[in-house]
Amino acid sequence: MKVPLSRLALARSGDKGDGSNVGIIARTPEIYEFLAANLTAARVKQHFHEIAKGEVERFVAPNLLALNFLLHDSLGGGGSASLKTDAQGKTHGLGLLLMELDVPDELIPDE
């Protein structure tokens, strides 16, 4: 079933200079395993193709059930140097939670 990432995980984001940092925290260990296999840097780069002008790096933190993405060159200079409305990337976590994924039914938590 196709569901938004928000059904599977939580997110937190912010700036790292001219890049944004997006952390995704799975709701269960089983969901983490699914996300570790399916939520790739390339997929995140495609999702943010309009703002992520540079490389997207992925870091895993299995002990936290988390994946962290660094979107290089995504903030138009960052902080006060940027003309972007969200120069600190605070909305990028929510933006990633809108991504839809094909997920096995047994992994989808009850609402």
PDB file of N, CA and C in Angstrom:
ATOM      1  N   MET A   1       0.847  -1.164   0.000  1.00  0.00           N
ATOM      2  CA  MET A   1       0.000   0.000   0.000  1.00  0.00           C
ATOM      3  C   MET A   1       0.903   1.240   0.000  1.00  0.00           C
ATOM      4  N   LYS A   2       0.526   2.265  -0.723  1.00  0.00           N
ATOM      5  CA  LYS A   2       1.284   3.516  -0.780  1.00  0.00           C
ATOM      6  C   LYS A   2       0.818   4.413   0.362  1.00  0.00           C
ATOM      7  N   VAL A   3       1.749   4.790   1.236  1.00  0.00           N
ATOM      8  CA  VAL A   3       1.421   5.660   2.373  1.00  0.00           C
ATOM      9  C   VAL A   3       2.495   6.735   2.510  1.00  0.00           C
ATOM     10  N   PRO A   4       2.137   7.875   3.130  1.00  0.00           N
ATOM     11  CA  PRO A   4       3.154   8.887   3.377  1.00  0.00           C
ATOM     12  C   PRO A   4       4.117   8.415   4.466  1.00  0.00           C
ATOM     13  N   LEU A   5       5.344   8.855   4.369  1.00  0.00           N
ATOM     14  CA  LEU A   5       6.367   8.503   5.353  1.00  0.00           C
ATOM     15  C   LEU A   5       5.929   8.880   6.769  1.00  0.00           C
ATOM     16  N   SER A   6       5.066   9.871   6.905  1.00  0.00           N
ATOM     17  CA  SER A   6       4.594  10.294   8.229  1.00  0.00           C
ATOM     18  C   SER A   6       3.857   9.190   8.978  1.00  0.00           C
ATOM     19  N   ARG A   7       3.324   8.190   8.278  1.00  0.00           N
ATOM     20  CA  ARG A   7       2.673   7.062   8.945  1.00  0.00           C
ATOM     21  C   ARG A   7       3.687   6.128   9.587  1.00  0.00           C
ATOM     22  N   LEU A   8       4.944   6.206   9.128  1.00  0.00           N
ATOM     23  CA  LEU A   8       5.982   5.271   9.565  1.00  0.00           C
ATOM     24  C   LEU A   8       7.026   5.882  10.494  1.00  0.00           C
ATOM     25  N   ALA A   9       7.148   7.205  10.460  1.00  0.00           N
ATOM     26  CA  ALA A   9       8.289   7.827  11.132  1.00  0.00           C
ATOM     27  C   ALA A   9       7.978   9.245  11.577  1.00  0.00           C
ATOM     28  N   LEU A  10       8.898   9.757  12.386  1.00  0.00           N
ATOM     29  CA  LEU A  10       8.904  11.153  12.817  1.00  0.00           C
ATOM     30  C   LEU A  10      10.101  11.819  12.161  1.00  0.00           C
ATOM     31  N   ALA A  11      10.127  13.150  12.159  1.00  0.00           N
ATOM     32  CA  ALA A  11      11.254  13.847  11.531  1.00  0.00           C
ATOM     33  C   ALA A  11      11.641  15.082  12.328  1.00  0.00           C
ATOM     34  N   ARG A  12      12.896  15.459  12.152  1.00  0.00           N
ATOM     35  CA  ARG A  12      13.412  16.706  12.721  1.00  0.00           C
ATOM     36  C   ARG A  12      14.430  17.237  11.732  1.00  0.00           C
ATOM     37  N   SER A  13      14.410  18.542  11.504  1.00  0.00           N
ATOM     38  CA  SER A  13      15.344  19.100  10.531  1.00  0.00           C
ATOM     39  C   SER A  13      15.849  20.463  10.969  1.00  0.00           C
ATOM     40  N   GLY A  14      16.955  20.859  10.354  1.00  0.00           N
ATOM     41  CA  GLY A  14      17.548  22.160  10.617  1.00  0.00           C
ATOM     42  C   GLY A  14      18.707  22.385   9.675  1.00  0.00           C
ATOM     43  N   ASP A  15      19.394  23.496   9.907  1.00  0.00           N
ATOM     44  CA  ASP A  15      20.459  23.861   8.975  1.00  0.00           C
ATOM     45  C   ASP A  15      21.827  23.384   9.443  1.00  0.00           C
ATOM     46  N   LYS A  16      22.671  23.161   8.465  1.00  0.00           N
ATOM     47  CA  LYS A  16      24.092  22.869   8.652  1.00  0.00           C
ATOM     48  C   LYS A  16      24.813  23.714   7.608  1.00  0.00           C
ATOM     49  N   GLY A  17      24.985  25.000   7.896  1.00  0.00           N
ATOM     50  CA  GLY A  17      25.574  25.910   6.918  1.00  0.00           C
ATOM     51  C   GLY A  17      24.632  26.089   5.754  1.00  0.00           C
ATOM     52  N   ASP A  18      25.090  25.754   4.552  1.00  0.00           N
ATOM     53  CA  ASP A  18      24.266  25.876   3.353  1.00  0.00           C
ATOM     54  C   ASP A  18      23.519  24.574   3.039  1.00  0.00           C
ATOM     55  N   GLY A  19      23.532  23.644   3.969  1.00  0.00           N
ATOM     56  CA  GLY A  19      22.814  22.385   3.773  1.00  0.00           C
ATOM     57  C   GLY A  19      21.798  22.188   4.871  1.00  0.00           C
ATOM     58  N   SER A  20      20.793  21.382   4.585  1.00  0.00           N
ATOM     59  CA  SER A  20      19.839  21.048   5.639  1.00  0.00           C
ATOM     60  C   SER A  20      20.067  19.608   6.085  1.00  0.00           C
ATOM     61  N   ASN A  21      19.770  19.398   7.330  1.00  0.00           N
ATOM     62  CA  ASN A  21      19.964  18.123   7.996  1.00  0.00           C
ATOM     63  C   ASN A  21      18.578  17.594   8.351  1.00  0.00           C
ATOM     64  N   VAL A  22      18.209  16.433   7.823  1.00  0.00           N
ATOM     65  CA  VAL A  22      16.876  15.874   8.071  1.00  0.00           C
ATOM     66  C   VAL A  22      17.036  14.514   8.727  1.00  0.00           C
ATOM     67  N   GLY A  23      16.547  14.394   9.952  1.00  0.00           N
ATOM     68  CA  GLY A  23      16.567  13.129  10.668  1.00  0.00           C
ATOM     69  C   GLY A  23      15.201  12.465  10.599  1.00  0.00           C
ATOM     70  N   ILE A  24      15.195  11.169  10.290  1.00  0.00           N
ATOM     71  CA  ILE A  24      13.968  10.373  10.221  1.00  0.00           C
ATOM     72  C   ILE A  24      14.069   9.281  11.284  1.00  0.00           C
ATOM     73  N   ILE A  25      13.084   9.205  12.158  1.00  0.00           N
ATOM     74  CA  ILE A  25      13.083   8.246  13.258  1.00  0.00           C
ATOM     75  C   ILE A  25      11.912   7.286  13.071  1.00  0.00           C
ATOM     76  N   ALA A  26      12.218   6.017  12.856  1.00  0.00           N
ATOM     77  CA  ALA A  26      11.191   5.005  12.615  1.00  0.00           C
ATOM     78  C   ALA A  26      10.380   4.745  13.879  1.00  0.00           C
ATOM     79  N   ARG A  27       9.127   4.414  13.695  1.00  0.00           N
ATOM     80  CA  ARG A  27       8.236   4.145  14.833  1.00  0.00           C
ATOM     81  C   ARG A  27       8.460   2.775  15.465  1.00  0.00           C
ATOM     82  N   THR A  28       9.029   1.820  14.712  1.00  0.00           N
ATOM     83  CA  THR A  28       9.309   0.485  15.235  1.00  0.00           C
ATOM     84  C   THR A  28      10.603  -0.039  14.624  1.00  0.00           C
ATOM     85  N   PRO A  29      11.222  -1.049  15.242  1.00  0.00           N
ATOM     86  CA  PRO A  29      12.419  -1.650  14.637  1.00  0.00           C
ATOM     87  C   PRO A  29      12.147  -2.241  13.251  1.00  0.00           C
ATOM     88  N   GLU A  30      10.977  -2.802  13.053  1.00  0.00           N
ATOM     89  CA  GLU A  30      10.642  -3.389  11.753  1.00  0.00           C
ATOM     90  C   GLU A  30      10.534  -2.307  10.675  1.00  0.00           C
ATOM     91  N   ILE A  31       9.951  -1.183  11.045  1.00  0.00           N
ATOM     92  CA  ILE A  31       9.867  -0.065  10.105  1.00  0.00           C
ATOM     93  C   ILE A  31      11.260   0.476   9.817  1.00  0.00           C
ATOM     94  N   TYR A  32      12.113   0.531  10.830  1.00  0.00           N
ATOM     95  CA  TYR A  32      13.485   0.993  10.596  1.00  0.00           C
ATOM     96  C   TYR A  32      14.171   0.117   9.547  1.00  0.00           C
ATOM     97  N   GLU A  33      14.041  -1.186   9.666  1.00  0.00           N
ATOM     98  CA  GLU A  33      14.669  -2.090   8.698  1.00  0.00           C
ATOM     99  C   GLU A  33      14.141  -1.833   7.285  1.00  0.00           C
ATOM    100  N   PHE A  34      12.838  -1.601   7.181  1.00  0.00           N
ATOM    101  CA  PHE A  34      12.243  -1.293   5.882  1.00  0.00           C
ATOM    102  C   PHE A  34      12.808   0.020   5.337  1.00  0.00           C
ATOM    103  N   LEU A  35      12.852   1.048   6.174  1.00  0.00           N
ATOM    104  CA  LEU A  35      13.361   2.349   5.732  1.00  0.00           C
ATOM    105  C   LEU A  35      14.844   2.280   5.394  1.00  0.00           C
ATOM    106  N   ALA A  36      15.618   1.551   6.178  1.00  0.00           N
ATOM    107  CA  ALA A  36      17.053   1.416   5.893  1.00  0.00           C
ATOM    108  C   ALA A  36      17.277   0.806   4.516  1.00  0.00           C
ATOM    109  N   ALA A  37      16.389  -0.080   4.095  1.00  0.00           N
ATOM    110  CA  ALA A  37      16.513  -0.730   2.794  1.00  0.00           C
ATOM    111  C   ALA A  37      15.920   0.101   1.652  1.00  0.00           C
ATOM    112  N   ASN A  38      14.955   0.968   1.952  1.00  0.00           N
ATOM    113  CA  ASN A  38      14.196   1.633   0.892  1.00  0.00           C
ATOM    114  C   ASN A  38      14.303   3.150   0.824  1.00  0.00           C
ATOM    115  N   LEU A  39      14.645   3.790   1.913  1.00  0.00           N
ATOM    116  CA  LEU A  39      14.744   5.251   1.915  1.00  0.00           C
ATOM    117  C   LEU A  39      16.211   5.631   1.682  1.00  0.00           C
ATOM    118  N   THR A  40      16.573   5.706   0.420  1.00  0.00           N
ATOM    119  CA  THR A  40      17.963   5.930   0.025  1.00  0.00           C
ATOM    120  C   THR A  40      18.246   7.413  -0.181  1.00  0.00           C
ATOM    121  N   ALA A  41      19.533   7.741  -0.224  1.00  0.00           N
ATOM    122  CA  ALA A  41      19.939   9.117  -0.518  1.00  0.00           C
ATOM    123  C   ALA A  41      19.436   9.541  -1.889  1.00  0.00           C
ATOM    124  N   ALA A  42      19.499   8.638  -2.865  1.00  0.00           N
ATOM    125  CA  ALA A  42      19.029   8.959  -4.216  1.00  0.00           C
ATOM    126  C   ALA A  42      17.529   9.260  -4.224  1.00  0.00           C
ATOM    127  N   ARG A  43      16.779   8.514  -3.447  1.00  0.00           N
ATOM    128  CA  ARG A  43      15.336   8.731  -3.397  1.00  0.00           C
ATOM    129  C   ARG A  43      15.007  10.067  -2.734  1.00  0.00           C
ATOM    130  N   VAL A  44      15.752  10.403  -1.674  1.00  0.00           N
ATOM    131  CA  VAL A  44      15.550  11.686  -0.996  1.00  0.00           C
ATOM    132  C   VAL A  44      15.952  12.832  -1.920  1.00  0.00           C
ATOM    133  N   LYS A  45      17.057  12.665  -2.647  1.00  0.00           N
ATOM    134  CA  LYS A  45      17.492  13.694  -3.607  1.00  0.00           C
ATOM    135  C   LYS A  45      16.403  13.922  -4.653  1.00  0.00           C
ATOM    136  N   GLN A  46      15.805  12.855  -5.162  1.00  0.00           N
ATOM    137  CA  GLN A  46      14.727  12.989  -6.147  1.00  0.00           C
ATOM    138  C   GLN A  46      13.530  13.717  -5.542  1.00  0.00           C
ATOM    139  N   HIS A  47      13.185  13.382  -4.307  1.00  0.00           N
ATOM    140  CA  HIS A  47      12.044  14.022  -3.640  1.00  0.00           C
ATOM    141  C   HIS A  47      12.271  15.524  -3.491  1.00  0.00           C
ATOM    142  N   PHE A  48      13.497  15.914  -3.193  1.00  0.00           N
ATOM    143  CA  PHE A  48      13.852  17.323  -2.992  1.00  0.00           C
ATOM    144  C   PHE A  48      14.566  17.914  -4.209  1.00  0.00           C
ATOM    145  N   HIS A  49      14.291  17.402  -5.407  1.00  0.00           N
ATOM    146  CA  HIS A  49      15.039  17.819  -6.595  1.00  0.00           C
ATOM    147  C   HIS A  49      14.995  19.322  -6.850  1.00  0.00           C
ATOM    148  N   GLU A  50      13.962  20.005  -6.393  1.00  0.00           N
ATOM    149  CA  GLU A  50      13.875  21.445  -6.633  1.00  0.00           C
ATOM    150  C   GLU A  50      14.742  22.257  -5.679  1.00  0.00           C
ATOM    151  N   ILE A  51      15.090  21.697  -4.531  1.00  0.00           N
ATOM    152  CA  ILE A  51      15.883  22.482  -3.572  1.00  0.00           C
ATOM    153  C   ILE A  51      17.265  21.900  -3.295  1.00  0.00           C
ATOM    154  N   ALA A  52      17.436  20.595  -3.426  1.00  0.00           N
ATOM    155  CA  ALA A  52      18.730  19.959  -3.127  1.00  0.00           C
ATOM    156  C   ALA A  52      19.605  20.038  -4.370  1.00  0.00           C
ATOM    157  N   LYS A  53      20.386  21.099  -4.457  1.00  0.00           N
ATOM    158  CA  LYS A  53      21.222  21.326  -5.637  1.00  0.00           C
ATOM    159  C   LYS A  53      22.525  20.531  -5.577  1.00  0.00           C
ATOM    160  N   GLY A  54      22.933  20.127  -4.393  1.00  0.00           N
ATOM    161  CA  GLY A  54      24.157  19.351  -4.228  1.00  0.00           C
ATOM    162  C   GLY A  54      23.870  17.900  -3.904  1.00  0.00           C
ATOM    163  N   GLU A  55      24.894  17.239  -3.418  1.00  0.00           N
ATOM    164  CA  GLU A  55      24.810  15.827  -3.038  1.00  0.00           C
ATOM    165  C   GLU A  55      23.888  15.651  -1.834  1.00  0.00           C
ATOM    166  N   VAL A  56      23.263  14.490  -1.744  1.00  0.00           N
ATOM    167  CA  VAL A  56      22.514  14.099  -0.548  1.00  0.00           C
ATOM    168  C   VAL A  56      23.252  12.912   0.054  1.00  0.00           C
ATOM    169  N   GLU A  57      23.652  13.056   1.309  1.00  0.00           N
ATOM    170  CA  GLU A  57      24.338  11.972   2.038  1.00  0.00           C
ATOM    171  C   GLU A  57      23.371  11.361   3.036  1.00  0.00           C
ATOM    172  N   ARG A  58      23.505  10.044   3.253  1.00  0.00           N
ATOM    173  CA  ARG A  58      22.686   9.345   4.243  1.00  0.00           C
ATOM    174  C   ARG A  58      23.591   8.729   5.295  1.00  0.00           C
ATOM    175  N   PHE A  59      23.177   8.874   6.542  1.00  0.00           N
ATOM    176  CA  PHE A  59      23.880   8.278   7.673  1.00  0.00           C
ATOM    177  C   PHE A  59      22.874   7.434   8.445  1.00  0.00           C
ATOM    178  N   VAL A  60      23.301   6.263   8.890  1.00  0.00           N
ATOM    179  CA  VAL A  60      22.403   5.377   9.632  1.00  0.00           C
ATOM    180  C   VAL A  60      22.754   5.407  11.114  1.00  0.00           C
ATOM    181  N   ALA A  61      21.727   5.312  11.933  1.00  0.00           N
ATOM    182  CA  ALA A  61      21.896   5.232  13.388  1.00  0.00           C
ATOM    183  C   ALA A  61      20.933   4.163  13.898  1.00  0.00           C
ATOM    184  N   PRO A  62      21.285   2.882  13.670  1.00  0.00           N
ATOM    185  CA  PRO A  62      20.349   1.809  14.023  1.00  0.00           C
ATOM    186  C   PRO A  62      19.997   1.774  15.506  1.00  0.00           C
ATOM    187  N   ASN A  63      20.916   2.197  16.359  1.00  0.00           N
ATOM    188  CA  ASN A  63      20.614   2.196  17.798  1.00  0.00           C
ATOM    189  C   ASN A  63      19.517   3.203  18.148  1.00  0.00           C
ATOM    190  N   LEU A  64      19.280   4.176  17.282  1.00  0.00           N
ATOM    191  CA  LEU A  64      18.223   5.171  17.483  1.00  0.00           C
ATOM    192  C   LEU A  64      17.025   4.922  16.560  1.00  0.00           C
ATOM    193  N   LEU A  65      17.100   3.872  15.747  1.00  0.00           N
ATOM    194  CA  LEU A  65      16.095   3.586  14.718  1.00  0.00           C
ATOM    195  C   LEU A  65      15.954   4.779  13.776  1.00  0.00           C
ATOM    196  N   ALA A  66      17.093   5.391  13.444  1.00  0.00           N
ATOM    197  CA  ALA A  66      17.061   6.642  12.689  1.00  0.00           C
ATOM    198  C   ALA A  66      17.961   6.621  11.463  1.00  0.00           C
ATOM    199  N   LEU A  67      17.554   7.422  10.499  1.00  0.00           N
ATOM    200  CA  LEU A  67      18.352   7.719   9.314  1.00  0.00           C
ATOM    201  C   LEU A  67      18.508   9.236   9.285  1.00  0.00           C
ATOM    202  N   ASN A  68      19.682   9.694   8.902  1.00  0.00           N
ATOM    203  CA  ASN A  68      19.919  11.120   8.824  1.00  0.00           C
ATOM    204  C   ASN A  68      20.386  11.472   7.418  1.00  0.00           C
ATOM    205  N   PHE A  69      19.797  12.517   6.856  1.00  0.00           N
ATOM    206  CA  PHE A  69      20.137  12.947   5.503  1.00  0.00           C
ATOM    207  C   PHE A  69      20.684  14.361   5.544  1.00  0.00           C
ATOM    208  N   LEU A  70      21.789  14.562   4.868  1.00  0.00           N
ATOM    209  CA  LEU A  70      22.373  15.887   4.736  1.00  0.00           C
ATOM    210  C   LEU A  70      22.193  16.310   3.284  1.00  0.00           C
ATOM    211  N   LEU A  71      21.400  17.352   3.079  1.00  0.00           N
ATOM    212  CA  LEU A  71      21.105  17.875   1.751  1.00  0.00           C
ATOM    213  C   LEU A  71      22.029  19.064   1.502  1.00  0.00           C
ATOM    214  N   HIS A  72      23.135  18.808   0.820  1.00  0.00           N
ATOM    215  CA  HIS A  72      24.105  19.861   0.531  1.00  0.00           C
ATOM    216  C   HIS A  72      23.515  20.878  -0.448  1.00  0.00           C
ATOM    217  N   ASP A  73      23.929  22.121  -0.289  1.00  0.00           N
ATOM    218  CA  ASP A  73      23.527  23.199  -1.198  1.00  0.00           C
ATOM    219  C   ASP A  73      22.012  23.234  -1.380  1.00  0.00           C
ATOM    220  N   SER A  74      21.298  23.330  -0.262  1.00  0.00           N
ATOM    221  CA  SER A  74      19.839  23.336  -0.327  1.00  0.00           C
ATOM    222  C   SER A  74      19.216  24.564   0.330  1.00  0.00           C
ATOM    223  N   LEU A  75      20.053  25.459   0.868  1.00  0.00           N
ATOM    224  CA  LEU A  75      19.504  26.593   1.614  1.00  0.00           C
ATOM    225  C   LEU A  75      19.851  27.955   1.019  1.00  0.00           C
ATOM    226  N   GLY A  76      20.332  27.983  -0.210  1.00  0.00           N
ATOM    227  CA  GLY A  76      20.589  29.262  -0.866  1.00  0.00           C
ATOM    228  C   GLY A  76      21.607  30.127  -0.142  1.00  0.00           C
ATOM    229  N   GLY A  77      22.588  29.506   0.472  1.00  0.00           N
ATOM    230  CA  GLY A  77      23.606  30.240   1.209  1.00  0.00           C
ATOM    231  C   GLY A  77      23.485  30.052   2.717  1.00  0.00           C
ATOM    232  N   GLY A  78      22.312  29.724   3.183  1.00  0.00           N
ATOM    233  CA  GLY A  78      22.086  29.453   4.598  1.00  0.00           C
ATOM    234  C   GLY A  78      21.933  30.710   5.437  1.00  0.00           C
ATOM    235  N   GLY A  79      21.179  30.577   6.529  1.00  0.00           N
ATOM    236  CA  GLY A  79      21.007  31.655   7.503  1.00  0.00           C
ATOM    237  C   GLY A  79      20.680  32.997   6.886  1.00  0.00           C
ATOM    238  N   SER A  80      21.374  34.024   7.332  1.00  0.00           N
ATOM    239  CA  SER A  80      21.090  35.388   6.868  1.00  0.00           C
ATOM    240  C   SER A  80      21.596  35.659   5.449  1.00  0.00           C
ATOM    241  N   ALA A  81      22.391  34.752   4.885  1.00  0.00           N
ATOM    242  CA  ALA A  81      22.882  34.925   3.512  1.00  0.00           C
ATOM    243  C   ALA A  81      21.842  34.515   2.468  1.00  0.00           C
ATOM    244  N   SER A  82      20.773  33.872   2.895  1.00  0.00           N
ATOM    245  CA  SER A  82      19.793  33.302   1.963  1.00  0.00           C
ATOM    246  C   SER A  82      18.560  34.180   1.820  1.00  0.00           C
ATOM    247  N   LEU A  83      17.990  34.174   0.632  1.00  0.00           N
ATOM    248  CA  LEU A  83      16.713  34.840   0.386  1.00  0.00           C
ATOM    249  C   LEU A  83      15.550  33.877   0.512  1.00  0.00           C
ATOM    250  N   LYS A  84      15.824  32.615   0.829  1.00  0.00           N
ATOM    251  CA  LYS A  84      14.769  31.610   0.970  1.00  0.00           C
ATOM    252  C   LYS A  84      13.924  31.905   2.210  1.00  0.00           C
ATOM    253  N   THR A  85      12.646  31.583   2.128  1.00  0.00           N
ATOM    254  CA  THR A  85      11.741  31.762   3.258  1.00  0.00           C
ATOM    255  C   THR A  85      12.179  30.906   4.440  1.00  0.00           C
ATOM    256  N   ASP A  86      12.634  29.687   4.170  1.00  0.00           N
ATOM    257  CA  ASP A  86      13.075  28.766   5.221  1.00  0.00           C
ATOM    258  C   ASP A  86      14.582  28.573   5.109  1.00  0.00           C
ATOM    259  N   ALA A  87      15.339  29.590   5.468  1.00  0.00           N
ATOM    260  CA  ALA A  87      16.800  29.560   5.309  1.00  0.00           C
ATOM    261  C   ALA A  87      17.478  28.584   6.268  1.00  0.00           C
ATOM    262  N   GLN A  88      16.765  28.080   7.274  1.00  0.00           N
ATOM    263  CA  GLN A  88      17.339  27.105   8.194  1.00  0.00           C
ATOM    264  C   GLN A  88      16.832  25.684   7.954  1.00  0.00           C
ATOM    265  N   GLY A  89      16.037  25.469   6.948  1.00  0.00           N
ATOM    266  CA  GLY A  89      15.582  24.122   6.601  1.00  0.00           C
ATOM    267  C   GLY A  89      14.654  23.493   7.622  1.00  0.00           C
ATOM    268  N   LYS A  90      13.970  24.292   8.418  1.00  0.00           N
ATOM    269  CA  LYS A  90      13.098  23.749   9.470  1.00  0.00           C
ATOM    270  C   LYS A  90      11.899  22.987   8.907  1.00  0.00           C
ATOM    271  N   THR A  91      11.490  23.288   7.684  1.00  0.00           N
ATOM    272  CA  THR A  91      10.339  22.596   7.099  1.00  0.00           C
ATOM    273  C   THR A  91      10.736  21.365   6.284  1.00  0.00           C
ATOM    274  N   HIS A  92      12.023  21.117   6.125  1.00  0.00           N
ATOM    275  CA  HIS A  92      12.454  19.996   5.289  1.00  0.00           C
ATOM    276  C   HIS A  92      12.075  18.640   5.881  1.00  0.00           C
ATOM    277  N   GLY A  93      12.020  18.534   7.204  1.00  0.00           N
ATOM    278  CA  GLY A  93      11.568  17.290   7.826  1.00  0.00           C
ATOM    279  C   GLY A  93      10.128  16.991   7.455  1.00  0.00           C
ATOM    280  N   LEU A  94       9.269  18.002   7.577  1.00  0.00           N
ATOM    281  CA  LEU A  94       7.868  17.830   7.195  1.00  0.00           C
ATOM    282  C   LEU A  94       7.761  17.516   5.708  1.00  0.00           C
ATOM    283  N   GLY A  95       8.579  18.180   4.904  1.00  0.00           N
ATOM    284  CA  GLY A  95       8.565  17.910   3.473  1.00  0.00           C
ATOM    285  C   GLY A  95       8.901  16.470   3.147  1.00  0.00           C
ATOM    286  N   LEU A  96       9.861  15.892   3.855  1.00  0.00           N
ATOM    287  CA  LEU A  96      10.219  14.495   3.612  1.00  0.00           C
ATOM    288  C   LEU A  96       9.121  13.551   4.107  1.00  0.00           C
ATOM    289  N   LEU A  97       8.451  13.907   5.194  1.00  0.00           N
ATOM    290  CA  LEU A  97       7.361  13.063   5.699  1.00  0.00           C
ATOM    291  C   LEU A  97       6.194  12.966   4.721  1.00  0.00           C
ATOM    292  N   LEU A  98       6.124  13.869   3.755  1.00  0.00           N
ATOM    293  CA  LEU A  98       5.069  13.821   2.731  1.00  0.00           C
ATOM    294  C   LEU A  98       5.372  12.824   1.620  1.00  0.00           C
ATOM    295  N   MET A  99       6.631  12.357   1.542  1.00  0.00           N
ATOM    296  CA  MET A  99       7.001  11.366   0.517  1.00  0.00           C
ATOM    297  C   MET A  99       6.168  10.113   0.702  1.00  0.00           C
ATOM    298  N   GLU A 100       5.649   9.577  -0.406  1.00  0.00           N
ATOM    299  CA  GLU A 100       4.876   8.337  -0.344  1.00  0.00           C
ATOM    300  C   GLU A 100       5.758   7.150  -0.694  1.00  0.00           C
ATOM    301  N   LEU A 101       5.572   6.063   0.046  1.00  0.00           N
ATOM    302  CA  LEU A 101       6.324   4.828  -0.147  1.00  0.00           C
ATOM    303  C   LEU A 101       5.360   3.661  -0.282  1.00  0.00           C
ATOM    304  N   ASP A 102       5.741   2.677  -1.081  1.00  0.00           N
ATOM    305  CA  ASP A 102       4.993   1.421  -1.136  1.00  0.00           C
ATOM    306  C   ASP A 102       5.445   0.569   0.043  1.00  0.00           C
ATOM    307  N   VAL A 103       4.537   0.308   0.954  1.00  0.00           N
ATOM    308  CA  VAL A 103       4.868  -0.336   2.219  1.00  0.00           C
ATOM    309  C   VAL A 103       4.025  -1.592   2.390  1.00  0.00           C
ATOM    310  N   PRO A 104       4.632  -2.690   2.834  1.00  0.00           N
ATOM    311  CA  PRO A 104       3.838  -3.890   3.137  1.00  0.00           C
ATOM    312  C   PRO A 104       2.777  -3.568   4.210  1.00  0.00           C
ATOM    313  N   ASP A 105       1.584  -4.093   4.027  1.00  0.00           N
ATOM    314  CA  ASP A 105       0.479  -3.806   4.947  1.00  0.00           C
ATOM    315  C   ASP A 105       0.818  -4.072   6.411  1.00  0.00           C
ATOM    316  N   GLU A 106       1.588  -5.114   6.676  1.00  0.00           N
ATOM    317  CA  GLU A 106       1.877  -5.467   8.069  1.00  0.00           C
ATOM    318  C   GLU A 106       2.773  -4.445   8.778  1.00  0.00           C
ATOM    319  N   LEU A 107       3.414  -3.563   8.040  1.00  0.00           N
ATOM    320  CA  LEU A 107       4.268  -2.541   8.663  1.00  0.00           C
ATOM    321  C   LEU A 107       3.538  -1.241   8.959  1.00  0.00           C
ATOM    322  N   ILE A 108       2.355  -1.064   8.410  1.00  0.00           N
ATOM    323  CA  ILE A 108       1.633   0.190   8.562  1.00  0.00           C
ATOM    324  C   ILE A 108       0.935   0.210   9.923  1.00  0.00           C
ATOM    325  N   PRO A 109       1.330   1.166  10.788  1.00  0.00           N
ATOM    326  CA  PRO A 109       0.700   1.230  12.116  1.00  0.00           C
ATOM    327  C   PRO A 109      -0.767   1.648  12.020  1.00  0.00           C
ATOM    328  N   ASP A 110      -1.552   1.214  12.974  1.00  0.00           N
ATOM    329  CA  ASP A 110      -2.946   1.645  13.051  1.00  0.00           C
ATOM    330  C   ASP A 110      -2.959   3.147  13.353  1.00  0.00           C
ATOM    331  N   GLU A 111      -3.944   3.827  12.816  1.00  0.00           N
ATOM    332  CA  GLU A 111      -4.032   5.274  13.063  1.00  0.00           C
ATOM    333  C   GLU A 111      -4.651   5.564  14.399  1.00  0.00           C
TER     334      GLU A 111
END
